[in-house]
Amino acid sequence: MKRMMATRRTGLYVAVAMGLAMLGGSLAVAATPPKPTISEDARAAVAQMGKTLLAKEFSFQARTIRPYANDNGVLLHIEHDFKVTVRRPDRMLIDANGDDGPRKLFYDGKTVVLALGAAGNQYATLPVPDTITKMMYVVMGRFRLDFPLADFLTDTPDTAFLHGVTSGRVVNKVTIDGVPCVHLVFSQPPGIELELWLEAERGLPRRLIVIDNASPGKPNFIADMSAWDFTVHPADADFAFTPPSGAKEIDFGAALSEQQHAGEPQ
């Protein structure tokens, strides 16, 4: 069976997995984790990112390339383009298109709707809590949805990104699309390497690369982020989904599975 390759388990995802494990029964006593060795300039850059991303309203675009394994275990890649609109604390819209076709995710503070296809002729709904972070806990924890950009959308972006990271430093300063940026590298056991480029002035993420050295083929996830806009004022209607005539409601888990496999070669 074809499957998407998981890359970095985000700080949010790791926290969910740990919480579910603790609810499931007693755990063996864990070894004391090593003290993180993150340089002060790297920590300051991520802190500035966290502060900027706590804005009440914003939107941005992202282009991602991520791997999946085919039936023969060969790593192939799939591309997606996203436009993400956020209105904290309880509204989010993700408008996505890619090799596996278009889809949208609507979150209105009470319900998540995943609409598949350009017209949303298939859709799935899921009751969720009343904040973006709690909503992602439910979606990522219950359905094991792996979304490496989720850390940037939580109510503590800097803390979420650094969760599980044991080392980090500034590499150098570069320019991306004419904007001065800081290039940082981080490590997250058991074999995750992260490269993050942040705008030097505002701390906005411009590029993220995740390499999973612990998985066969060392899969990587690449995201380029752009068009950050903090002047948007989305209305409630922008986060609401109205099914078109004749649309079919399907199971949420089935919708996620369909979206993950639709673009893979047959």
C-alpha atoms as a PDB file:
ATOM      1  CA  MET A   1       0.000   0.000   0.000  1.00  0.00           C
ATOM      2  CA  LYS A   2       1.316   3.423  -0.921  1.00  0.00           C
ATOM      3  CA  ARG A   3       1.768   5.805   1.993  1.00  0.00           C
ATOM      4  CA  MET A   4       3.022   9.283   2.736  1.00  0.00           C
ATOM      5  CA  MET A   5       6.331   9.313   4.558  1.00  0.00           C
ATOM      6  CA  ALA A   6       6.193  11.051   7.932  1.00  0.00           C
ATOM      7  CA  THR A   7       8.952  13.620   8.288  1.00  0.00           C
ATOM      8  CA  ARG A   8       9.365  15.653  11.417  1.00  0.00           C
ATOM      9  CA  ARG A   9       6.824  14.983  14.093  1.00  0.00           C
ATOM     10  CA  THR A  10       6.097  18.548  15.052  1.00  0.00           C
ATOM     11  CA  GLY A  11       6.230  19.723  18.644  1.00  0.00           C
ATOM     12  CA  LEU A  12       2.429  19.699  18.652  1.00  0.00           C
ATOM     13  CA  TYR A  13       2.312  16.138  17.285  1.00  0.00           C
ATOM     14  CA  VAL A  14       4.888  14.878  19.788  1.00  0.00           C
ATOM     15  CA  ALA A  15       2.953  16.410  22.683  1.00  0.00           C
ATOM     16  CA  VAL A  16      -0.260  14.739  21.489  1.00  0.00           C
ATOM     17  CA  ALA A  17       1.431  11.353  21.127  1.00  0.00           C
ATOM     18  CA  MET A  18       2.955  11.598  24.585  1.00  0.00           C
ATOM     19  CA  GLY A  19      -0.398  12.572  26.105  1.00  0.00           C
ATOM     20  CA  LEU A  20      -2.185   9.647  24.469  1.00  0.00           C
ATOM     21  CA  ALA A  21       0.514   7.258  25.685  1.00  0.00           C
ATOM     22  CA  MET A  22       0.155   8.521  29.242  1.00  0.00           C
ATOM     23  CA  LEU A  23      -3.613   8.049  29.125  1.00  0.00           C
ATOM     24  CA  GLY A  24      -3.167   4.526  27.845  1.00  0.00           C
ATOM     25  CA  GLY A  25      -1.460   3.130  30.948  1.00  0.00           C
ATOM     26  CA  SER A  26       1.688   3.175  33.010  1.00  0.00           C
ATOM     27  CA  LEU A  27       4.960   4.113  31.346  1.00  0.00           C
ATOM     28  CA  ALA A  28       8.474   2.988  32.060  1.00  0.00           C
ATOM     29  CA  VAL A  29      10.604   5.583  33.810  1.00  0.00           C
ATOM     30  CA  ALA A  30      12.146   7.674  31.052  1.00  0.00           C
ATOM     31  CA  ALA A  31      15.794   8.614  31.047  1.00  0.00           C
ATOM     32  CA  THR A  32      16.569  12.234  31.859  1.00  0.00           C
ATOM     33  CA  PRO A  33      16.751  14.033  28.504  1.00  0.00           C
ATOM     34  CA  PRO A  34      19.949  15.907  27.712  1.00  0.00           C
ATOM     35  CA  LYS A  35      19.923  19.621  28.380  1.00  0.00           C
ATOM     36  CA  PRO A  36      19.324  21.481  25.102  1.00  0.00           C
ATOM     37  CA  THR A  37      22.347  23.308  23.698  1.00  0.00           C
ATOM     38  CA  ILE A  38      20.678  26.059  21.715  1.00  0.00           C
ATOM     39  CA  SER A  39      22.743  29.175  21.162  1.00  0.00           C
ATOM     40  CA  GLU A  40      21.398  32.457  22.493  1.00  0.00           C
ATOM     41  CA  ASP A  41      21.168  34.043  19.038  1.00  0.00           C
ATOM     42  CA  ALA A  42      19.264  31.037  17.674  1.00  0.00           C
ATOM     43  CA  ARG A  43      16.880  31.053  20.638  1.00  0.00           C
ATOM     44  CA  ALA A  44      16.353  34.812  20.248  1.00  0.00           C
ATOM     45  CA  ALA A  45      15.556  34.438  16.538  1.00  0.00           C
ATOM     46  CA  VAL A  46      12.937  31.750  17.234  1.00  0.00           C
ATOM     47  CA  ALA A  47      11.477  33.851  20.072  1.00  0.00           C
ATOM     48  CA  GLN A  48      11.047  36.773  17.655  1.00  0.00           C
ATOM     49  CA  MET A  49       9.295  34.405  15.247  1.00  0.00           C
ATOM     50  CA  GLY A  50       6.929  33.333  18.019  1.00  0.00           C
ATOM     51  CA  LYS A  51       6.109  36.931  18.905  1.00  0.00           C
ATOM     52  CA  THR A  52       5.373  37.921  15.297  1.00  0.00           C
ATOM     53  CA  LEU A  53       3.198  34.871  14.606  1.00  0.00           C
ATOM     54  CA  LEU A  54       0.973  35.634  17.594  1.00  0.00           C
ATOM     55  CA  ALA A  55      -0.693  38.388  15.558  1.00  0.00           C
ATOM     56  CA  LYS A  56      -4.474  38.117  15.668  1.00  0.00           C
ATOM     57  CA  GLU A  57      -4.962  38.007  11.879  1.00  0.00           C
ATOM     58  CA  PHE A  58      -2.621  37.040   9.055  1.00  0.00           C
ATOM     59  CA  SER A  59      -2.272  34.995   5.900  1.00  0.00           C
ATOM     60  CA  PHE A  60       0.631  33.457   4.010  1.00  0.00           C
ATOM     61  CA  GLN A  61       1.404  31.127   1.152  1.00  0.00           C
ATOM     62  CA  ALA A  62       3.535  27.993   1.164  1.00  0.00           C
ATOM     63  CA  ARG A  63       4.829  25.588  -1.440  1.00  0.00           C
ATOM     64  CA  THR A  64       5.821  22.209  -0.076  1.00  0.00           C
ATOM     65  CA  ILE A  65       7.544  19.117  -1.455  1.00  0.00           C
ATOM     66  CA  ARG A  66       7.359  15.941   0.584  1.00  0.00           C
ATOM     67  CA  PRO A  67       8.099  12.257   0.015  1.00  0.00           C
ATOM     68  CA  TYR A  68       6.020   9.128   0.057  1.00  0.00           C
ATOM     69  CA  ALA A  69       6.928   5.491  -0.579  1.00  0.00           C
ATOM     70  CA  ASN A  70       5.373   3.581  -3.477  1.00  0.00           C
ATOM     71  CA  ASP A  71       4.520  -0.135  -3.446  1.00  0.00           C
ATOM     72  CA  ASN A  72       8.169  -1.006  -4.067  1.00  0.00           C
ATOM     73  CA  GLY A  73       9.414   1.193  -1.237  1.00  0.00           C
ATOM     74  CA  VAL A  74      10.868   3.806  -3.594  1.00  0.00           C
ATOM     75  CA  LEU A  75      10.744   7.374  -2.294  1.00  0.00           C
ATOM     76  CA  LEU A  76       8.843   9.685  -4.640  1.00  0.00           C
ATOM     77  CA  HIS A  77       7.727  13.271  -4.093  1.00  0.00           C
ATOM     78  CA  ILE A  78       4.467  15.210  -4.113  1.00  0.00           C
ATOM     79  CA  GLU A  79       4.047  18.994  -4.295  1.00  0.00           C
ATOM     80  CA  HIS A  80       1.393  21.212  -2.723  1.00  0.00           C
ATOM     81  CA  ASP A  81       0.594  24.917  -2.770  1.00  0.00           C
ATOM     82  CA  PHE A  82      -1.168  26.352   0.271  1.00  0.00           C
ATOM     83  CA  LYS A  83      -2.776  29.625   1.216  1.00  0.00           C
ATOM     84  CA  VAL A  84      -3.339  29.764   4.967  1.00  0.00           C
ATOM     85  CA  THR A  85      -5.559  32.378   6.621  1.00  0.00           C
ATOM     86  CA  VAL A  86      -5.619  32.676  10.412  1.00  0.00           C
ATOM     87  CA  ARG A  87      -7.824  34.657  12.767  1.00  0.00           C
ATOM     88  CA  ARG A  88      -6.869  33.880  16.325  1.00  0.00           C
ATOM     89  CA  PRO A  89      -7.955  32.249  18.492  1.00  0.00           C
ATOM     90  CA  ASP A  90     -10.562  30.150  16.678  1.00  0.00           C
ATOM     91  CA  ARG A  91     -10.631  30.591  12.891  1.00  0.00           C
ATOM     92  CA  MET A  92      -8.468  29.069  10.160  1.00  0.00           C
ATOM     93  CA  LEU A  93      -8.750  28.377   6.429  1.00  0.00           C
ATOM     94  CA  ILE A  94      -6.311  26.285   4.411  1.00  0.00           C
ATOM     95  CA  ASP A  95      -6.789  26.464   0.641  1.00  0.00           C
ATOM     96  CA  ALA A  96      -4.594  23.791  -0.948  1.00  0.00           C
ATOM     97  CA  ASN A  97      -3.833  22.502  -4.406  1.00  0.00           C
ATOM     98  CA  GLY A  98      -1.224  20.087  -5.637  1.00  0.00           C
ATOM     99  CA  ASP A  99      -0.389  16.901  -7.481  1.00  0.00           C
ATOM    100  CA  ASP A 100      -3.333  15.189  -5.771  1.00  0.00           C
ATOM    101  CA  GLY A 101      -5.843  17.920  -6.617  1.00  0.00           C
ATOM    102  CA  PRO A 102      -7.518  20.774  -4.712  1.00  0.00           C
ATOM    103  CA  ARG A 103      -9.007  20.701  -1.224  1.00  0.00           C
ATOM    104  CA  LYS A 104      -9.876  23.155   1.536  1.00  0.00           C
ATOM    105  CA  LEU A 105      -9.931  22.921   5.301  1.00  0.00           C
ATOM    106  CA  PHE A 106     -12.374  25.216   7.107  1.00  0.00           C
ATOM    107  CA  TYR A 107     -12.308  25.800  10.865  1.00  0.00           C
ATOM    108  CA  ASP A 108     -15.003  28.019  12.381  1.00  0.00           C
ATOM    109  CA  GLY A 109     -14.304  27.569  16.088  1.00  0.00           C
ATOM    110  CA  LYS A 110     -16.617  24.576  16.463  1.00  0.00           C
ATOM    111  CA  THR A 111     -16.168  22.319  13.448  1.00  0.00           C
ATOM    112  CA  VAL A 112     -13.479  21.359  10.951  1.00  0.00           C
ATOM    113  CA  VAL A 113     -14.651  20.705   7.406  1.00  0.00           C
ATOM    114  CA  LEU A 114     -12.376  19.066   4.838  1.00  0.00           C
ATOM    115  CA  ALA A 115     -13.745  19.731   1.348  1.00  0.00           C
ATOM    116  CA  LEU A 116     -12.285  17.709  -1.529  1.00  0.00           C
ATOM    117  CA  GLY A 117     -12.189  18.753  -5.167  1.00  0.00           C
ATOM    118  CA  ALA A 118     -12.509  22.182  -6.716  1.00  0.00           C
ATOM    119  CA  ALA A 119     -16.242  22.360  -5.941  1.00  0.00           C
ATOM    120  CA  GLY A 120     -16.180  20.518  -2.611  1.00  0.00           C
ATOM    121  CA  ASN A 121     -18.445  17.761  -3.920  1.00  0.00           C
ATOM    122  CA  GLN A 122     -17.086  15.466  -1.230  1.00  0.00           C
ATOM    123  CA  TYR A 123     -16.619  16.751   2.295  1.00  0.00           C
ATOM    124  CA  ALA A 124     -16.143  15.575   5.867  1.00  0.00           C
ATOM    125  CA  THR A 125     -16.935  17.294   9.157  1.00  0.00           C
ATOM    126  CA  LEU A 126     -15.497  16.852  12.633  1.00  0.00           C
ATOM    127  CA  PRO A 127     -16.542  18.548  15.905  1.00  0.00           C
ATOM    128  CA  VAL A 128     -13.475  20.125  17.514  1.00  0.00           C
ATOM    129  CA  PRO A 129     -12.557  22.450  20.446  1.00  0.00           C
ATOM    130  CA  ASP A 130     -12.646  26.229  20.324  1.00  0.00           C
ATOM    131  CA  THR A 131      -9.020  27.201  19.649  1.00  0.00           C
ATOM    132  CA  ILE A 132      -6.697  26.550  16.716  1.00  0.00           C
ATOM    133  CA  THR A 133      -4.185  24.746  18.922  1.00  0.00           C
ATOM    134  CA  LYS A 134      -6.779  22.471  20.542  1.00  0.00           C
ATOM    135  CA  MET A 135      -8.356  21.790  17.171  1.00  0.00           C
ATOM    136  CA  MET A 136      -5.004  20.623  15.788  1.00  0.00           C
ATOM    137  CA  TYR A 137      -4.493  18.424  18.847  1.00  0.00           C
ATOM    138  CA  VAL A 138      -7.696  16.604  17.947  1.00  0.00           C
ATOM    139  CA  VAL A 139      -7.037  16.329  14.207  1.00  0.00           C
ATOM    140  CA  MET A 140      -3.362  15.407  14.530  1.00  0.00           C
ATOM    141  CA  GLY A 141      -3.776  13.222  17.594  1.00  0.00           C
ATOM    142  CA  ARG A 142      -6.853  11.285  16.548  1.00  0.00           C
ATOM    143  CA  PHE A 143      -6.034  10.880  12.888  1.00  0.00           C
ATOM    144  CA  ARG A 144      -2.213  11.014  13.039  1.00  0.00           C
ATOM    145  CA  LEU A 145      -2.193  13.828  10.490  1.00  0.00           C
ATOM    146  CA  ASP A 146       1.412  14.884   9.928  1.00  0.00           C
ATOM    147  CA  PHE A 147       1.645  18.610   9.061  1.00  0.00           C
ATOM    148  CA  PRO A 148       5.161  19.990   9.731  1.00  0.00           C
ATOM    149  CA  LEU A 149       3.960  23.615   9.434  1.00  0.00           C
ATOM    150  CA  ALA A 150       1.538  23.183  12.346  1.00  0.00           C
ATOM    151  CA  ASP A 151       4.006  24.583  14.889  1.00  0.00           C
ATOM    152  CA  PHE A 152       3.797  28.001  13.250  1.00  0.00           C
ATOM    153  CA  LEU A 153       0.009  28.119  13.800  1.00  0.00           C
ATOM    154  CA  THR A 154      -0.184  27.201  17.498  1.00  0.00           C
ATOM    155  CA  ASP A 155      -0.648  29.709  20.310  1.00  0.00           C
ATOM    156  CA  THR A 156       3.055  29.259  21.246  1.00  0.00           C
ATOM    157  CA  PRO A 157       4.894  28.972  17.891  1.00  0.00           C
ATOM    158  CA  ASP A 158       8.406  29.289  19.347  1.00  0.00           C
ATOM    159  CA  THR A 159       7.838  26.726  22.116  1.00  0.00           C
ATOM    160  CA  ALA A 160       6.132  24.304  19.722  1.00  0.00           C
ATOM    161  CA  PHE A 161       8.960  24.515  17.193  1.00  0.00           C
ATOM    162  CA  LEU A 162      11.663  23.899  19.809  1.00  0.00           C
ATOM    163  CA  HIS A 163       9.832  21.017  21.484  1.00  0.00           C
ATOM    164  CA  GLY A 164      12.170  18.017  21.439  1.00  0.00           C
ATOM    165  CA  VAL A 165      15.043  20.000  19.911  1.00  0.00           C
ATOM    166  CA  THR A 166      18.367  19.314  21.644  1.00  0.00           C
ATOM    167  CA  SER A 167      20.709  21.641  19.763  1.00  0.00           C
ATOM    168  CA  GLY A 168      20.532  24.690  17.530  1.00  0.00           C
ATOM    169  CA  ARG A 169      22.667  27.481  16.147  1.00  0.00           C
ATOM    170  CA  VAL A 170      22.785  30.286  13.602  1.00  0.00           C
ATOM    171  CA  VAL A 171      24.669  29.314  10.432  1.00  0.00           C
ATOM    172  CA  ASN A 172      24.828  32.639   8.618  1.00  0.00           C
ATOM    173  CA  LYS A 173      22.788  35.451   7.118  1.00  0.00           C
ATOM    174  CA  VAL A 174      21.408  35.189   3.588  1.00  0.00           C
ATOM    175  CA  THR A 175      18.956  36.973   1.304  1.00  0.00           C
ATOM    176  CA  ILE A 176      15.733  35.349   0.091  1.00  0.00           C
ATOM    177  CA  ASP A 177      13.752  37.269  -2.549  1.00  0.00           C
ATOM    178  CA  GLY A 178      15.572  40.436  -1.554  1.00  0.00           C
ATOM    179  CA  VAL A 179      14.806  40.045   2.172  1.00  0.00           C
ATOM    180  CA  PRO A 180      17.654  39.585   4.714  1.00  0.00           C
ATOM    181  CA  CYS A 181      17.190  36.294   6.552  1.00  0.00           C
ATOM    182  CA  VAL A 182      18.878  34.280   9.291  1.00  0.00           C
ATOM    183  CA  HIS A 183      19.717  30.662   8.483  1.00  0.00           C
ATOM    184  CA  LEU A 184      19.424  28.324  11.487  1.00  0.00           C
ATOM    185  CA  VAL A 185      19.978  24.586  12.029  1.00  0.00           C
ATOM    186  CA  PHE A 186      18.527  22.362  14.770  1.00  0.00           C
ATOM    187  CA  SER A 187      18.659  18.710  15.792  1.00  0.00           C
ATOM    188  CA  GLN A 188      15.818  16.641  17.217  1.00  0.00           C
ATOM    189  CA  PRO A 189      16.473  13.022  18.287  1.00  0.00           C
ATOM    190  CA  PRO A 190      16.407  10.318  17.147  1.00  0.00           C
ATOM    191  CA  GLY A 191      17.577  11.605  13.779  1.00  0.00           C
ATOM    192  CA  ILE A 192      15.747  14.749  12.703  1.00  0.00           C
ATOM    193  CA  GLU A 193      17.691  17.663  11.246  1.00  0.00           C
ATOM    194  CA  LEU A 194      15.931  21.008  10.760  1.00  0.00           C
ATOM    195  CA  GLU A 195      16.961  24.004   8.699  1.00  0.00           C
ATOM    196  CA  LEU A 196      14.927  27.171   9.208  1.00  0.00           C
ATOM    197  CA  TRP A 197      15.274  30.525   7.486  1.00  0.00           C
ATOM    198  CA  LEU A 198      13.695  33.492   9.323  1.00  0.00           C
ATOM    199  CA  GLU A 199      13.401  37.086   8.180  1.00  0.00           C
ATOM    200  CA  ALA A 200      16.029  39.016  10.131  1.00  0.00           C
ATOM    201  CA  GLU A 201      13.718  41.897  11.084  1.00  0.00           C
ATOM    202  CA  ARG A 202      10.336  40.278  11.727  1.00  0.00           C
ATOM    203  CA  GLY A 203      11.318  36.666  12.346  1.00  0.00           C
ATOM    204  CA  LEU A 204       8.876  35.368   9.732  1.00  0.00           C
ATOM    205  CA  PRO A 205       9.550  31.848   8.420  1.00  0.00           C
ATOM    206  CA  ARG A 206      10.636  31.863   4.791  1.00  0.00           C
ATOM    207  CA  ARG A 207      11.931  28.320   4.349  1.00  0.00           C
ATOM    208  CA  LEU A 208      11.908  25.056   6.284  1.00  0.00           C
ATOM    209  CA  ILE A 209      13.736  21.823   5.444  1.00  0.00           C
ATOM    210  CA  VAL A 210      13.318  18.703   7.556  1.00  0.00           C
ATOM    211  CA  ILE A 211      15.526  15.638   7.057  1.00  0.00           C
ATOM    212  CA  ASP A 212      14.636  12.372   8.778  1.00  0.00           C
ATOM    213  CA  ASN A 213      17.908  10.460   9.053  1.00  0.00           C
ATOM    214  CA  ALA A 214      16.258   7.695  11.094  1.00  0.00           C
ATOM    215  CA  SER A 215      13.908   6.586   8.289  1.00  0.00           C
ATOM    216  CA  PRO A 216      14.810   4.530   5.199  1.00  0.00           C
ATOM    217  CA  GLY A 217      15.972   6.762   2.382  1.00  0.00           C
ATOM    218  CA  LYS A 218      16.356   9.759   4.698  1.00  0.00           C
ATOM    219  CA  PRO A 219      13.156  11.488   3.483  1.00  0.00           C
ATOM    220  CA  ASN A 220      13.003  15.262   3.551  1.00  0.00           C
ATOM    221  CA  PHE A 221      10.244  17.850   3.700  1.00  0.00           C
ATOM    222  CA  ILE A 222      10.758  21.234   2.011  1.00  0.00           C
ATOM    223  CA  ALA A 223       8.553  24.305   2.449  1.00  0.00           C
ATOM    224  CA  ASP A 224       8.978  27.789   1.001  1.00  0.00           C
ATOM    225  CA  MET A 225       6.767  30.421   2.653  1.00  0.00           C
ATOM    226  CA  SER A 226       5.924  33.820   1.190  1.00  0.00           C
ATOM    227  CA  ALA A 227       3.308  36.571   0.834  1.00  0.00           C
ATOM    228  CA  TRP A 228       2.940  37.116   4.577  1.00  0.00           C
ATOM    229  CA  ASP A 229       0.102  39.610   5.098  1.00  0.00           C
ATOM    230  CA  PHE A 230      -0.862  41.052   8.482  1.00  0.00           C
ATOM    231  CA  THR A 231      -3.387  43.531   7.098  1.00  0.00           C
ATOM    232  CA  VAL A 232      -6.100  40.960   6.304  1.00  0.00           C
ATOM    233  CA  HIS A 233      -9.454  41.142   8.102  1.00  0.00           C
ATOM    234  CA  PRO A 234     -11.303  37.922   7.243  1.00  0.00           C
ATOM    235  CA  ALA A 235     -14.994  37.691   8.087  1.00  0.00           C
ATOM    236  CA  ASP A 236     -16.743  34.768   9.779  1.00  0.00           C
ATOM    237  CA  ALA A 237     -18.142  33.750   6.396  1.00  0.00           C
ATOM    238  CA  ASP A 238     -14.621  33.136   5.074  1.00  0.00           C
ATOM    239  CA  PHE A 239     -14.246  30.206   7.494  1.00  0.00           C
ATOM    240  CA  ALA A 240     -17.650  28.624   6.812  1.00  0.00           C
ATOM    241  CA  PHE A 241     -18.355  25.850   4.306  1.00  0.00           C
ATOM    242  CA  THR A 242     -21.665  25.529   2.479  1.00  0.00           C
ATOM    243  CA  PRO A 243     -21.984  22.183   0.679  1.00  0.00           C
ATOM    244  CA  PRO A 244     -22.873  22.555  -3.011  1.00  0.00           C
ATOM    245  CA  SER A 245     -25.980  20.870  -4.368  1.00  0.00           C
ATOM    246  CA  GLY A 246     -25.502  17.126  -4.592  1.00  0.00           C
ATOM    247  CA  ALA A 247     -22.376  17.078  -2.393  1.00  0.00           C
ATOM    248  CA  LYS A 248     -21.657  13.858  -0.496  1.00  0.00           C
ATOM    249  CA  GLU A 249     -20.553  13.816   3.139  1.00  0.00           C
ATOM    250  CA  ILE A 250     -17.960  11.138   3.906  1.00  0.00           C
ATOM    251  CA  ASP A 251     -16.081   9.953   6.986  1.00  0.00           C
ATOM    252  CA  PHE A 252     -13.335  12.326   8.131  1.00  0.00           C
ATOM    253  CA  GLY A 253     -10.703   9.613   8.366  1.00  0.00           C
ATOM    254  CA  ALA A 254     -11.613   8.366   4.900  1.00  0.00           C
ATOM    255  CA  ALA A 255     -11.311  11.912   3.533  1.00  0.00           C
ATOM    256  CA  LEU A 256      -7.799  12.245   4.926  1.00  0.00           C
ATOM    257  CA  SER A 257      -6.826   8.884   3.470  1.00  0.00           C
ATOM    258  CA  GLU A 258      -8.241   9.823   0.072  1.00  0.00           C
ATOM    259  CA  GLN A 259      -6.401  13.129  -0.025  1.00  0.00           C
ATOM    260  CA  GLN A 260      -3.102  11.479   0.920  1.00  0.00           C
ATOM    261  CA  HIS A 261      -3.255   8.864  -1.839  1.00  0.00           C
ATOM    262  CA  ALA A 262      -5.067  10.641  -4.663  1.00  0.00           C
ATOM    263  CA  GLY A 263      -1.920  12.062  -6.269  1.00  0.00           C
ATOM    264  CA  GLU A 264       0.269   8.976  -6.017  1.00  0.00           C
ATOM    265  CA  PRO A 265       1.050   7.059  -9.206  1.00  0.00           C
ATOM    266  CA  GLN A 266      -1.044   3.977  -9.784  1.00  0.00           C
END
